[in-house]
Amino acid sequence: MTTSSTPLLDNRALPVRPAAGWWPAASCRGSAIETFFPPPGDRAAVQRALTICARCPVRIPCRRYALDHRERHGIWGGLTEETRETLIRMGPPSTVRARSPEPAGLLAEPRT
């Protein structure tokens, strides 16, 4: 019986193990690591990784980890390298102002 020379994503291989309690529930566990580090320009390979991420129950914590730690390579939490770079460059979202109700003049009782 031969074993595969392709490294698999597991708790021993991924450097985020100590800090990431979400990792055991990740859909990518047991997948070939190359799946999430596709060659540049291989759109089919990127799509395969994104498909796995799309059904992952811990996609959001994974995404946050990648953004917080400025992961430069690979697909994390359903985000490609380019998407993460863009999000980091844009910075945190600005606070959204609460939508104000109708202008006071329209709701006021008519003067008599």
PDB file of N, CA and C in Angstrom:
ATOM      1  N   MET A   1       0.843  -1.179   0.000  1.00  0.00           N
ATOM      2  CA  MET A   1       0.000   0.000   0.000  1.00  0.00           C
ATOM      3  C   MET A   1       0.885   1.238   0.000  1.00  0.00           C
ATOM      4  N   THR A   2       0.609   2.164  -0.920  1.00  0.00           N
ATOM      5  CA  THR A   2       1.391   3.393  -0.981  1.00  0.00           C
ATOM      6  C   THR A   2       0.572   4.542  -0.428  1.00  0.00           C
ATOM      7  N   THR A   3       1.260   5.499   0.099  1.00  0.00           N
ATOM      8  CA  THR A   3       0.581   6.685   0.595  1.00  0.00           C
ATOM      9  C   THR A   3       0.808   7.820  -0.372  1.00  0.00           C
ATOM     10  N   SER A   4      -0.117   8.723  -0.396  1.00  0.00           N
ATOM     11  CA  SER A   4      -0.035   9.865  -1.288  1.00  0.00           C
ATOM     12  C   SER A   4       1.072  10.808  -0.823  1.00  0.00           C
ATOM     13  N   SER A   5       1.779  11.381  -1.770  1.00  0.00           N
ATOM     14  CA  SER A   5       2.805  12.361  -1.410  1.00  0.00           C
ATOM     15  C   SER A   5       2.210  13.764  -1.309  1.00  0.00           C
ATOM     16  N   THR A   6       0.923  13.887  -1.641  1.00  0.00           N
ATOM     17  CA  THR A   6       0.254  15.175  -1.548  1.00  0.00           C
ATOM     18  C   THR A   6      -0.065  15.468  -0.095  1.00  0.00           C
ATOM     19  N   PRO A   7       0.438  16.594   0.424  1.00  0.00           N
ATOM     20  CA  PRO A   7       0.115  16.914   1.813  1.00  0.00           C
ATOM     21  C   PRO A   7      -1.371  17.216   1.948  1.00  0.00           C
ATOM     22  N   LEU A   8      -1.939  16.815   3.057  1.00  0.00           N
ATOM     23  CA  LEU A   8      -3.338  17.085   3.325  1.00  0.00           C
ATOM     24  C   LEU A   8      -3.451  18.167   4.375  1.00  0.00           C
ATOM     25  N   LEU A   9      -4.548  18.887   4.317  1.00  0.00           N
ATOM     26  CA  LEU A   9      -4.794  19.893   5.336  1.00  0.00           C
ATOM     27  C   LEU A   9      -5.263  19.173   6.593  1.00  0.00           C
ATOM     28  N   ASP A  10      -4.494  19.272   7.639  1.00  0.00           N
ATOM     29  CA  ASP A  10      -4.886  18.698   8.914  1.00  0.00           C
ATOM     30  C   ASP A  10      -4.330  19.566  10.034  1.00  0.00           C
ATOM     31  N   ASN A  11      -4.663  19.228  11.240  1.00  0.00           N
ATOM     32  CA  ASN A  11      -4.248  20.066  12.370  1.00  0.00           C
ATOM     33  C   ASN A  11      -2.747  20.129  12.564  1.00  0.00           C
ATOM     34  N   ARG A  12      -2.014  19.161  12.060  1.00  0.00           N
ATOM     35  CA  ARG A  12      -0.565  19.184  12.230  1.00  0.00           C
ATOM     36  C   ARG A  12       0.102  20.035  11.161  1.00  0.00           C
ATOM     37  N   ALA A  13      -0.517  20.148   9.986  1.00  0.00           N
ATOM     38  CA  ALA A  13       0.135  20.833   8.873  1.00  0.00           C
ATOM     39  C   ALA A  13      -0.181  22.314   8.803  1.00  0.00           C
ATOM     40  N   LEU A  14      -1.323  22.715   9.309  1.00  0.00           N
ATOM     41  CA  LEU A  14      -1.731  24.103   9.170  1.00  0.00           C
ATOM     42  C   LEU A  14      -1.188  24.941  10.322  1.00  0.00           C
ATOM     43  N   PRO A  15      -0.508  26.034  10.028  1.00  0.00           N
ATOM     44  CA  PRO A  15       0.113  26.824  11.086  1.00  0.00           C
ATOM     45  C   PRO A  15      -0.875  27.527  12.004  1.00  0.00           C
ATOM     46  N   VAL A  16      -2.168  27.550  11.693  1.00  0.00           N
ATOM     47  CA  VAL A  16      -3.118  28.279  12.528  1.00  0.00           C
ATOM     48  C   VAL A  16      -3.730  27.427  13.636  1.00  0.00           C
ATOM     49  N   ARG A  17      -3.329  26.187  13.755  1.00  0.00           N
ATOM     50  CA  ARG A  17      -3.954  25.269  14.693  1.00  0.00           C
ATOM     51  C   ARG A  17      -4.129  25.813  16.111  1.00  0.00           C
ATOM     52  N   PRO A  18      -3.106  26.358  16.741  1.00  0.00           N
ATOM     53  CA  PRO A  18      -3.281  26.776  18.126  1.00  0.00           C
ATOM     54  C   PRO A  18      -4.297  27.898  18.312  1.00  0.00           C
ATOM     55  N   ALA A  19      -4.397  28.792  17.344  1.00  0.00           N
ATOM     56  CA  ALA A  19      -5.233  29.969  17.527  1.00  0.00           C
ATOM     57  C   ALA A  19      -6.628  29.807  16.942  1.00  0.00           C
ATOM     58  N   ALA A  20      -6.876  28.756  16.217  1.00  0.00           N
ATOM     59  CA  ALA A  20      -8.118  28.670  15.474  1.00  0.00           C
ATOM     60  C   ALA A  20      -8.993  27.518  15.946  1.00  0.00           C
ATOM     61  N   GLY A  21      -9.892  27.799  16.863  1.00  0.00           N
ATOM     62  CA  GLY A  21     -10.810  26.772  17.325  1.00  0.00           C
ATOM     63  C   GLY A  21     -11.800  26.345  16.263  1.00  0.00           C
ATOM     64  N   TRP A  22     -11.924  27.111  15.200  1.00  0.00           N
ATOM     65  CA  TRP A  22     -12.840  26.787  14.107  1.00  0.00           C
ATOM     66  C   TRP A  22     -12.289  25.717  13.185  1.00  0.00           C
ATOM     67  N   TRP A  23     -10.999  25.515  13.186  1.00  0.00           N
ATOM     68  CA  TRP A  23     -10.349  24.644  12.215  1.00  0.00           C
ATOM     69  C   TRP A  23     -10.887  23.209  12.173  1.00  0.00           C
ATOM     70  N   PRO A  24     -11.194  22.552  13.294  1.00  0.00           N
ATOM     71  CA  PRO A  24     -11.677  21.168  13.206  1.00  0.00           C
ATOM     72  C   PRO A  24     -12.971  21.014  12.396  1.00  0.00           C
ATOM     73  N   ALA A  25     -13.771  22.054  12.287  1.00  0.00           N
ATOM     74  CA  ALA A  25     -15.036  21.970  11.559  1.00  0.00           C
ATOM     75  C   ALA A  25     -14.915  22.392  10.097  1.00  0.00           C
ATOM     76  N   ALA A  26     -13.720  22.757   9.649  1.00  0.00           N
ATOM     77  CA  ALA A  26     -13.537  23.261   8.283  1.00  0.00           C
ATOM     78  C   ALA A  26     -13.782  22.179   7.236  1.00  0.00           C
ATOM     79  N   SER A  27     -14.474  22.562   6.174  1.00  0.00           N
ATOM     80  CA  SER A  27     -14.770  21.629   5.078  1.00  0.00           C
ATOM     81  C   SER A  27     -13.520  21.211   4.317  1.00  0.00           C
ATOM     82  N   CYS A  28     -12.459  21.981   4.408  1.00  0.00           N
ATOM     83  CA  CYS A  28     -11.237  21.673   3.659  1.00  0.00           C
ATOM     84  C   CYS A  28     -10.370  20.621   4.348  1.00  0.00           C
ATOM     85  N   ARG A  29     -10.660  20.290   5.589  1.00  0.00           N
ATOM     86  CA  ARG A  29      -9.856  19.276   6.284  1.00  0.00           C
ATOM     87  C   ARG A  29      -9.864  17.990   5.498  1.00  0.00           C
ATOM     88  N   GLY A  30      -8.700  17.442   5.270  1.00  0.00           N
ATOM     89  CA  GLY A  30      -8.569  16.203   4.527  1.00  0.00           C
ATOM     90  C   GLY A  30      -8.401  16.403   3.032  1.00  0.00           C
ATOM     91  N   SER A  31      -8.535  17.641   2.572  1.00  0.00           N
ATOM     92  CA  SER A  31      -8.336  17.938   1.147  1.00  0.00           C
ATOM     93  C   SER A  31      -6.855  18.133   0.860  1.00  0.00           C
ATOM     94  N   ALA A  32      -6.478  17.914  -0.377  1.00  0.00           N
ATOM     95  CA  ALA A  32      -5.097  18.176  -0.790  1.00  0.00           C
ATOM     96  C   ALA A  32      -4.824  19.666  -0.658  1.00  0.00           C
ATOM     97  N   ILE A  33      -3.703  20.015  -0.085  1.00  0.00           N
ATOM     98  CA  ILE A  33      -3.366  21.412   0.165  1.00  0.00           C
ATOM     99  C   ILE A  33      -3.289  22.225  -1.128  1.00  0.00           C
ATOM    100  N   GLU A  34      -2.905  21.571  -2.226  1.00  0.00           N
ATOM    101  CA  GLU A  34      -2.812  22.272  -3.512  1.00  0.00           C
ATOM    102  C   GLU A  34      -4.162  22.821  -3.962  1.00  0.00           C
ATOM    103  N   THR A  35      -5.239  22.224  -3.473  1.00  0.00           N
ATOM    104  CA  THR A  35      -6.578  22.691  -3.828  1.00  0.00           C
ATOM    105  C   THR A  35      -6.743  24.155  -3.460  1.00  0.00           C
ATOM    106  N   PHE A  36      -6.156  24.574  -2.356  1.00  0.00           N
ATOM    107  CA  PHE A  36      -6.333  25.937  -1.858  1.00  0.00           C
ATOM    108  C   PHE A  36      -5.160  26.854  -2.159  1.00  0.00           C
ATOM    109  N   PHE A  37      -4.196  26.330  -2.895  1.00  0.00           N
ATOM    110  CA  PHE A  37      -3.050  27.109  -3.364  1.00  0.00           C
ATOM    111  C   PHE A  37      -2.860  26.800  -4.847  1.00  0.00           C
ATOM    112  N   PRO A  38      -3.875  27.164  -5.663  1.00  0.00           N
ATOM    113  CA  PRO A  38      -3.827  26.813  -7.089  1.00  0.00           C
ATOM    114  C   PRO A  38      -2.780  27.622  -7.843  1.00  0.00           C
ATOM    115  N   PRO A  39      -2.325  27.081  -8.973  1.00  0.00           N
ATOM    116  CA  PRO A  39      -1.362  27.818  -9.795  1.00  0.00           C
ATOM    117  C   PRO A  39      -1.991  29.109 -10.331  1.00  0.00           C
ATOM    118  N   PRO A  40      -1.209  30.151 -10.502  1.00  0.00           N
ATOM    119  CA  PRO A  40      -1.737  31.410 -11.033  1.00  0.00           C
ATOM    120  C   PRO A  40      -2.428  31.180 -12.378  1.00  0.00           C
ATOM    121  N   GLY A  41      -3.596  31.757 -12.520  1.00  0.00           N
ATOM    122  CA  GLY A  41      -4.329  31.684 -13.772  1.00  0.00           C
ATOM    123  C   GLY A  41      -5.188  30.444 -13.953  1.00  0.00           C
ATOM    124  N   ASP A  42      -5.147  29.495 -13.028  1.00  0.00           N
ATOM    125  CA  ASP A  42      -5.943  28.271 -13.159  1.00  0.00           C
ATOM    126  C   ASP A  42      -7.327  28.514 -12.552  1.00  0.00           C
ATOM    127  N   ARG A  43      -8.220  29.062 -13.375  1.00  0.00           N
ATOM    128  CA  ARG A  43      -9.554  29.436 -12.902  1.00  0.00           C
ATOM    129  C   ARG A  43     -10.371  28.233 -12.448  1.00  0.00           C
ATOM    130  N   ALA A  44     -10.185  27.096 -13.112  1.00  0.00           N
ATOM    131  CA  ALA A  44     -10.923  25.890 -12.722  1.00  0.00           C
ATOM    132  C   ALA A  44     -10.510  25.443 -11.320  1.00  0.00           C
ATOM    133  N   ALA A  45      -9.223  25.516 -11.025  1.00  0.00           N
ATOM    134  CA  ALA A  45      -8.733  25.128  -9.698  1.00  0.00           C
ATOM    135  C   ALA A  45      -9.250  26.091  -8.633  1.00  0.00           C
ATOM    136  N   VAL A  46      -9.270  27.367  -8.955  1.00  0.00           N
ATOM    137  CA  VAL A  46      -9.809  28.357  -8.012  1.00  0.00           C
ATOM    138  C   VAL A  46     -11.275  28.062  -7.745  1.00  0.00           C
ATOM    139  N   GLN A  47     -12.025  27.764  -8.783  1.00  0.00           N
ATOM    140  CA  GLN A  47     -13.451  27.473  -8.625  1.00  0.00           C
ATOM    141  C   GLN A  47     -13.678  26.240  -7.761  1.00  0.00           C
ATOM    142  N   ARG A  48     -12.834  25.224  -7.903  1.00  0.00           N
ATOM    143  CA  ARG A  48     -12.955  24.023  -7.059  1.00  0.00           C
ATOM    144  C   ARG A  48     -12.791  24.384  -5.583  1.00  0.00           C
ATOM    145  N   ALA A  49     -11.802  25.210  -5.288  1.00  0.00           N
ATOM    146  CA  ALA A  49     -11.580  25.618  -3.899  1.00  0.00           C
ATOM    147  C   ALA A  49     -12.743  26.460  -3.386  1.00  0.00           C
ATOM    148  N   LEU A  50     -13.215  27.382  -4.199  1.00  0.00           N
ATOM    149  CA  LEU A  50     -14.322  28.242  -3.781  1.00  0.00           C
ATOM    150  C   LEU A  50     -15.600  27.442  -3.553  1.00  0.00           C
ATOM    151  N   THR A  51     -15.775  26.368  -4.299  1.00  0.00           N
ATOM    152  CA  THR A  51     -16.946  25.503  -4.115  1.00  0.00           C
ATOM    153  C   THR A  51     -16.897  24.829  -2.747  1.00  0.00           C
ATOM    154  N   ILE A  52     -15.722  24.389  -2.341  1.00  0.00           N
ATOM    155  CA  ILE A  52     -15.569  23.786  -1.007  1.00  0.00           C
ATOM    156  C   ILE A  52     -15.833  24.835   0.063  1.00  0.00           C
ATOM    157  N   CYS A  53     -15.276  26.011  -0.111  1.00  0.00           N
ATOM    158  CA  CYS A  53     -15.465  27.093   0.864  1.00  0.00           C
ATOM    159  C   CYS A  53     -16.936  27.503   0.976  1.00  0.00           C
ATOM    160  N   ALA A  54     -17.652  27.485  -0.131  1.00  0.00           N
ATOM    161  CA  ALA A  54     -19.042  27.940  -0.142  1.00  0.00           C
ATOM    162  C   ALA A  54     -19.931  27.125   0.793  1.00  0.00           C
ATOM    163  N   ARG A  55     -19.608  25.859   0.990  1.00  0.00           N
ATOM    164  CA  ARG A  55     -20.435  25.022   1.859  1.00  0.00           C
ATOM    165  C   ARG A  55     -19.827  24.833   3.252  1.00  0.00           C
ATOM    166  N   CYS A  56     -18.769  25.559   3.542  1.00  0.00           N
ATOM    167  CA  CYS A  56     -18.057  25.391   4.811  1.00  0.00           C
ATOM    168  C   CYS A  56     -18.776  26.112   5.954  1.00  0.00           C
ATOM    169  N   PRO A  57     -18.990  25.421   7.063  1.00  0.00           N
ATOM    170  CA  PRO A  57     -19.679  26.048   8.194  1.00  0.00           C
ATOM    171  C   PRO A  57     -18.818  27.072   8.944  1.00  0.00           C
ATOM    172  N   VAL A  58     -17.516  27.086   8.697  1.00  0.00           N
ATOM    173  CA  VAL A  58     -16.650  28.040   9.402  1.00  0.00           C
ATOM    174  C   VAL A  58     -15.966  28.989   8.418  1.00  0.00           C
ATOM    175  N   ARG A  59     -16.620  29.277   7.311  1.00  0.00           N
ATOM    176  CA  ARG A  59     -16.056  30.156   6.292  1.00  0.00           C
ATOM    177  C   ARG A  59     -15.747  31.550   6.853  1.00  0.00           C
ATOM    178  N   ILE A  60     -16.622  32.088   7.664  1.00  0.00           N
ATOM    179  CA  ILE A  60     -16.433  33.453   8.180  1.00  0.00           C
ATOM    180  C   ILE A  60     -15.247  33.534   9.140  1.00  0.00           C
ATOM    181  N   PRO A  61     -15.103  32.652  10.132  1.00  0.00           N
ATOM    182  CA  PRO A  61     -13.910  32.727  10.981  1.00  0.00           C
ATOM    183  C   PRO A  61     -12.616  32.516  10.194  1.00  0.00           C
ATOM    184  N   CYS A  62     -12.654  31.652   9.200  1.00  0.00           N
ATOM    185  CA  CYS A  62     -11.481  31.412   8.358  1.00  0.00           C
ATOM    186  C   CYS A  62     -11.124  32.689   7.603  1.00  0.00           C
ATOM    187  N   ARG A  63     -12.140  33.322   7.049  1.00  0.00           N
ATOM    188  CA  ARG A  63     -11.951  34.585   6.315  1.00  0.00           C
ATOM    189  C   ARG A  63     -11.367  35.654   7.237  1.00  0.00           C
ATOM    190  N   ARG A  64     -11.918  35.754   8.442  1.00  0.00           N
ATOM    191  CA  ARG A  64     -11.411  36.752   9.401  1.00  0.00           C
ATOM    192  C   ARG A  64      -9.954  36.480   9.757  1.00  0.00           C
ATOM    193  N   TYR A  65      -9.642  35.206   9.963  1.00  0.00           N
ATOM    194  CA  TYR A  65      -8.252  34.845  10.274  1.00  0.00           C
ATOM    195  C   TYR A  65      -7.326  35.314   9.158  1.00  0.00           C
ATOM    196  N   ALA A  66      -7.690  35.005   7.918  1.00  0.00           N
ATOM    197  CA  ALA A  66      -6.843  35.358   6.776  1.00  0.00           C
ATOM    198  C   ALA A  66      -6.665  36.867   6.662  1.00  0.00           C
ATOM    199  N   LEU A  67      -7.726  37.605   6.891  1.00  0.00           N
ATOM    200  CA  LEU A  67      -7.623  39.070   6.806  1.00  0.00           C
ATOM    201  C   LEU A  67      -6.822  39.632   7.978  1.00  0.00           C
ATOM    202  N   ASP A  68      -7.103  39.144   9.182  1.00  0.00           N
ATOM    203  CA  ASP A  68      -6.386  39.629  10.371  1.00  0.00           C
ATOM    204  C   ASP A  68      -4.893  39.341  10.316  1.00  0.00           C
ATOM    205  N   HIS A  69      -4.521  38.193   9.731  1.00  0.00           N
ATOM    206  CA  HIS A  69      -3.119  37.784   9.679  1.00  0.00           C
ATOM    207  C   HIS A  69      -2.460  38.082   8.341  1.00  0.00           C
ATOM    208  N   ARG A  70      -3.183  38.820   7.502  1.00  0.00           N
ATOM    209  CA  ARG A  70      -2.641  39.249   6.200  1.00  0.00           C
ATOM    210  C   ARG A  70      -2.073  38.066   5.394  1.00  0.00           C
ATOM    211  N   GLU A  71      -2.854  36.970   5.357  1.00  0.00           N
ATOM    212  CA  GLU A  71      -2.433  35.818   4.560  1.00  0.00           C
ATOM    213  C   GLU A  71      -2.311  36.252   3.110  1.00  0.00           C
ATOM    214  N   ARG A  72      -1.151  36.096   2.540  1.00  0.00           N
ATOM    215  CA  ARG A  72      -0.896  36.568   1.185  1.00  0.00           C
ATOM    216  C   ARG A  72      -1.148  35.514   0.124  1.00  0.00           C
ATOM    217  N   HIS A  73      -1.160  34.257   0.517  1.00  0.00           N
ATOM    218  CA  HIS A  73      -1.259  33.187  -0.470  1.00  0.00           C
ATOM    219  C   HIS A  73      -2.442  32.281  -0.181  1.00  0.00           C
ATOM    220  N   GLY A  74      -2.997  31.732  -1.227  1.00  0.00           N
ATOM    221  CA  GLY A  74      -4.042  30.731  -1.093  1.00  0.00           C
ATOM    222  C   GLY A  74      -5.439  31.300  -0.990  1.00  0.00           C
ATOM    223  N   ILE A  75      -6.374  30.390  -0.926  1.00  0.00           N
ATOM    224  CA  ILE A  75      -7.786  30.734  -0.792  1.00  0.00           C
ATOM    225  C   ILE A  75      -8.193  30.417   0.636  1.00  0.00           C
ATOM    226  N   TRP A  76      -8.728  31.408   1.299  1.00  0.00           N
ATOM    227  CA  TRP A  76      -9.129  31.291   2.705  1.00  0.00           C
ATOM    228  C   TRP A  76     -10.546  31.836   2.844  1.00  0.00           C
ATOM    229  N   GLY A  77     -11.415  31.082   3.452  1.00  0.00           N
ATOM    230  CA  GLY A  77     -12.765  31.563   3.728  1.00  0.00           C
ATOM    231  C   GLY A  77     -13.526  31.986   2.483  1.00  0.00           C
ATOM    232  N   GLY A  78     -13.191  31.405   1.360  1.00  0.00           N
ATOM    233  CA  GLY A  78     -13.870  31.759   0.118  1.00  0.00           C
ATOM    234  C   GLY A  78     -13.352  33.024  -0.527  1.00  0.00           C
ATOM    235  N   LEU A  79     -12.217  33.517  -0.063  1.00  0.00           N
ATOM    236  CA  LEU A  79     -11.621  34.721  -0.652  1.00  0.00           C
ATOM    237  C   LEU A  79     -10.309  34.360  -1.345  1.00  0.00           C
ATOM    238  N   THR A  80     -10.149  34.854  -2.548  1.00  0.00           N
ATOM    239  CA  THR A  80      -8.895  34.656  -3.272  1.00  0.00           C
ATOM    240  C   THR A  80      -7.864  35.657  -2.768  1.00  0.00           C
ATOM    241  N   GLU A  81      -6.638  35.473  -3.180  1.00  0.00           N
ATOM    242  CA  GLU A  81      -5.563  36.395  -2.805  1.00  0.00           C
ATOM    243  C   GLU A  81      -5.899  37.816  -3.235  1.00  0.00           C
ATOM    244  N   GLU A  82      -6.401  37.946  -4.459  1.00  0.00           N
ATOM    245  CA  GLU A  82      -6.720  39.271  -4.994  1.00  0.00           C
ATOM    246  C   GLU A  82      -7.842  39.935  -4.208  1.00  0.00           C
ATOM    247  N   THR A  83      -8.861  39.168  -3.863  1.00  0.00           N
ATOM    248  CA  THR A  83      -9.980  39.725  -3.113  1.00  0.00           C
ATOM    249  C   THR A  83      -9.527  40.176  -1.733  1.00  0.00           C
ATOM    250  N   ARG A  84      -8.722  39.349  -1.054  1.00  0.00           N
ATOM    251  CA  ARG A  84      -8.226  39.749   0.272  1.00  0.00           C
ATOM    252  C   ARG A  84      -7.377  41.003   0.180  1.00  0.00           C
ATOM    253  N   GLU A  85      -6.521  41.070  -0.832  1.00  0.00           N
ATOM    254  CA  GLU A  85      -5.673  42.245  -1.002  1.00  0.00           C
ATOM    255  C   GLU A  85      -6.519  43.501  -1.180  1.00  0.00           C
ATOM    256  N   THR A  86      -7.574  43.393  -1.970  1.00  0.00           N
ATOM    257  CA  THR A  86      -8.467  44.535  -2.191  1.00  0.00           C
ATOM    258  C   THR A  86      -9.155  44.934  -0.894  1.00  0.00           C
ATOM    259  N   LEU A  87      -9.669  43.964  -0.151  1.00  0.00           N
ATOM    260  CA  LEU A  87     -10.346  44.274   1.109  1.00  0.00           C
ATOM    261  C   LEU A  87      -9.401  44.920   2.111  1.00  0.00           C
ATOM    262  N   ILE A  88      -8.179  44.428   2.187  1.00  0.00           N
ATOM    263  CA  ILE A  88      -7.200  45.004   3.110  1.00  0.00           C
ATOM    264  C   ILE A  88      -6.866  46.432   2.699  1.00  0.00           C
ATOM    265  N   ARG A  89      -6.700  46.648   1.403  1.00  0.00           N
ATOM    266  CA  ARG A  89      -6.379  47.982   0.903  1.00  0.00           C
ATOM    267  C   ARG A  89      -7.528  48.964   1.181  1.00  0.00           C
ATOM    268  N   MET A  90      -8.777  48.481   1.078  1.00  0.00           N
ATOM    269  CA  MET A  90      -9.940  49.339   1.325  1.00  0.00           C
ATOM    270  C   MET A  90     -10.076  49.696   2.801  1.00  0.00           C
ATOM    271  N   GLY A  91      -9.602  48.824   3.664  1.00  0.00           N
ATOM    272  CA  GLY A  91      -9.709  49.075   5.088  1.00  0.00           C
ATOM    273  C   GLY A  91     -11.052  48.647   5.634  1.00  0.00           C
ATOM    274  N   PRO A  92     -11.247  48.832   6.942  1.00  0.00           N
ATOM    275  CA  PRO A  92     -12.506  48.412   7.557  1.00  0.00           C
ATOM    276  C   PRO A  92     -13.671  49.236   7.007  1.00  0.00           C
ATOM    277  N   PRO A  93     -14.864  48.631   6.977  1.00  0.00           N
ATOM    278  CA  PRO A  93     -16.015  49.376   6.469  1.00  0.00           C
ATOM    279  C   PRO A  93     -16.329  50.560   7.362  1.00  0.00           C
ATOM    280  N   SER A  94     -16.753  51.643   6.738  1.00  0.00           N
ATOM    281  CA  SER A  94     -17.124  52.815   7.527  1.00  0.00           C
ATOM    282  C   SER A  94     -18.442  52.521   8.222  1.00  0.00           C
ATOM    283  N   THR A  95     -18.690  53.248   9.283  1.00  0.00           N
ATOM    284  CA  THR A  95     -19.935  53.030  10.002  1.00  0.00           C
ATOM    285  C   THR A  95     -21.086  53.518   9.134  1.00  0.00           C
ATOM    286  N   VAL A  96     -22.129  52.757   9.138  1.00  0.00           N
ATOM    287  CA  VAL A  96     -23.302  53.105   8.347  1.00  0.00           C
ATOM    288  C   VAL A  96     -24.214  53.931   9.232  1.00  0.00           C
ATOM    289  N   ARG A  97     -24.564  55.092   8.745  1.00  0.00           N
ATOM    290  CA  ARG A  97     -25.461  55.943   9.515  1.00  0.00           C
ATOM    291  C   ARG A  97     -26.853  55.329   9.514  1.00  0.00           C
ATOM    292  N   ALA A  98     -27.488  55.414  10.654  1.00  0.00           N
ATOM    293  CA  ALA A  98     -28.859  54.927  10.736  1.00  0.00           C
ATOM    294  C   ALA A  98     -29.732  55.785   9.831  1.00  0.00           C
ATOM    295  N   ARG A  99     -30.598  55.136   9.127  1.00  0.00           N
ATOM    296  CA  ARG A  99     -31.492  55.860   8.234  1.00  0.00           C
ATOM    297  C   ARG A  99     -32.474  56.658   9.067  1.00  0.00           C
ATOM    298  N   SER A 100     -32.532  57.948   8.815  1.00  0.00           N
ATOM    299  CA  SER A 100     -33.415  58.794   9.614  1.00  0.00           C
ATOM    300  C   SER A 100     -34.844  58.641   9.128  1.00  0.00           C
ATOM    301  N   PRO A 101     -35.784  58.859  10.025  1.00  0.00           N
ATOM    302  CA  PRO A 101     -37.181  58.787   9.620  1.00  0.00           C
ATOM    303  C   PRO A 101     -37.514  59.941   8.681  1.00  0.00           C
ATOM    304  N   GLU A 102     -38.734  59.972   8.241  1.00  0.00           N
ATOM    305  CA  GLU A 102     -39.185  61.046   7.349  1.00  0.00           C
ATOM    306  C   GLU A 102     -38.857  62.393   7.982  1.00  0.00           C
ATOM    307  N   PRO A 103     -38.596  63.388   7.165  1.00  0.00           N
ATOM    308  CA  PRO A 103     -38.319  64.713   7.711  1.00  0.00           C
ATOM    309  C   PRO A 103     -39.445  65.170   8.637  1.00  0.00           C
ATOM    310  N   ALA A 104     -39.058  65.847   9.690  1.00  0.00           N
ATOM    311  CA  ALA A 104     -40.013  66.254  10.722  1.00  0.00           C
ATOM    312  C   ALA A 104     -41.189  67.028  10.151  1.00  0.00           C
ATOM    313  N   GLY A 105     -40.970  67.848   9.164  1.00  0.00           N
ATOM    314  CA  GLY A 105     -42.052  68.655   8.602  1.00  0.00           C
ATOM    315  C   GLY A 105     -43.156  67.817   7.989  1.00  0.00           C
ATOM    316  N   LEU A 106     -42.846  66.659   7.488  1.00  0.00           N
ATOM    317  CA  LEU A 106     -43.859  65.818   6.873  1.00  0.00           C
ATOM    318  C   LEU A 106     -44.681  65.061   7.904  1.00  0.00           C
ATOM    319  N   LEU A 107     -44.138  64.859   9.077  1.00  0.00           N
ATOM    320  CA  LEU A 107     -44.843  64.102  10.104  1.00  0.00           C
ATOM    321  C   LEU A 107     -45.547  64.979  11.123  1.00  0.00           C
ATOM    322  N   ALA A 108     -45.245  66.260  11.102  1.00  0.00           N
ATOM    323  CA  ALA A 108     -45.811  67.160  12.101  1.00  0.00           C
ATOM    324  C   ALA A 108     -47.306  67.380  11.841  1.00  0.00           C
ATOM    325  N   GLU A 109     -48.034  67.620  12.917  1.00  0.00           N
ATOM    326  CA  GLU A 109     -49.438  67.937  12.799  1.00  0.00           C
ATOM    327  C   GLU A 109     -49.576  69.296  12.106  1.00  0.00           C
ATOM    328  N   PRO A 110     -50.542  69.427  11.243  1.00  0.00           N
ATOM    329  CA  PRO A 110     -50.718  70.724  10.595  1.00  0.00           C
ATOM    330  C   PRO A 110     -51.097  71.798  11.630  1.00  0.00           C
ATOM    331  N   ARG A 111     -50.591  72.978  11.429  1.00  0.00           N
ATOM    332  CA  ARG A 111     -50.897  74.093  12.329  1.00  0.00           C
ATOM    333  C   ARG A 111     -52.258  74.659  11.949  1.00  0.00           C
ATOM    334  N   THR A 112     -53.023  75.002  12.960  1.00  0.00           N
ATOM    335  CA  THR A 112     -54.319  75.624  12.686  1.00  0.00           C
ATOM    336  C   THR A 112     -54.398  77.011  13.222  1.00  0.00           C
TER     337      THR A 112
END
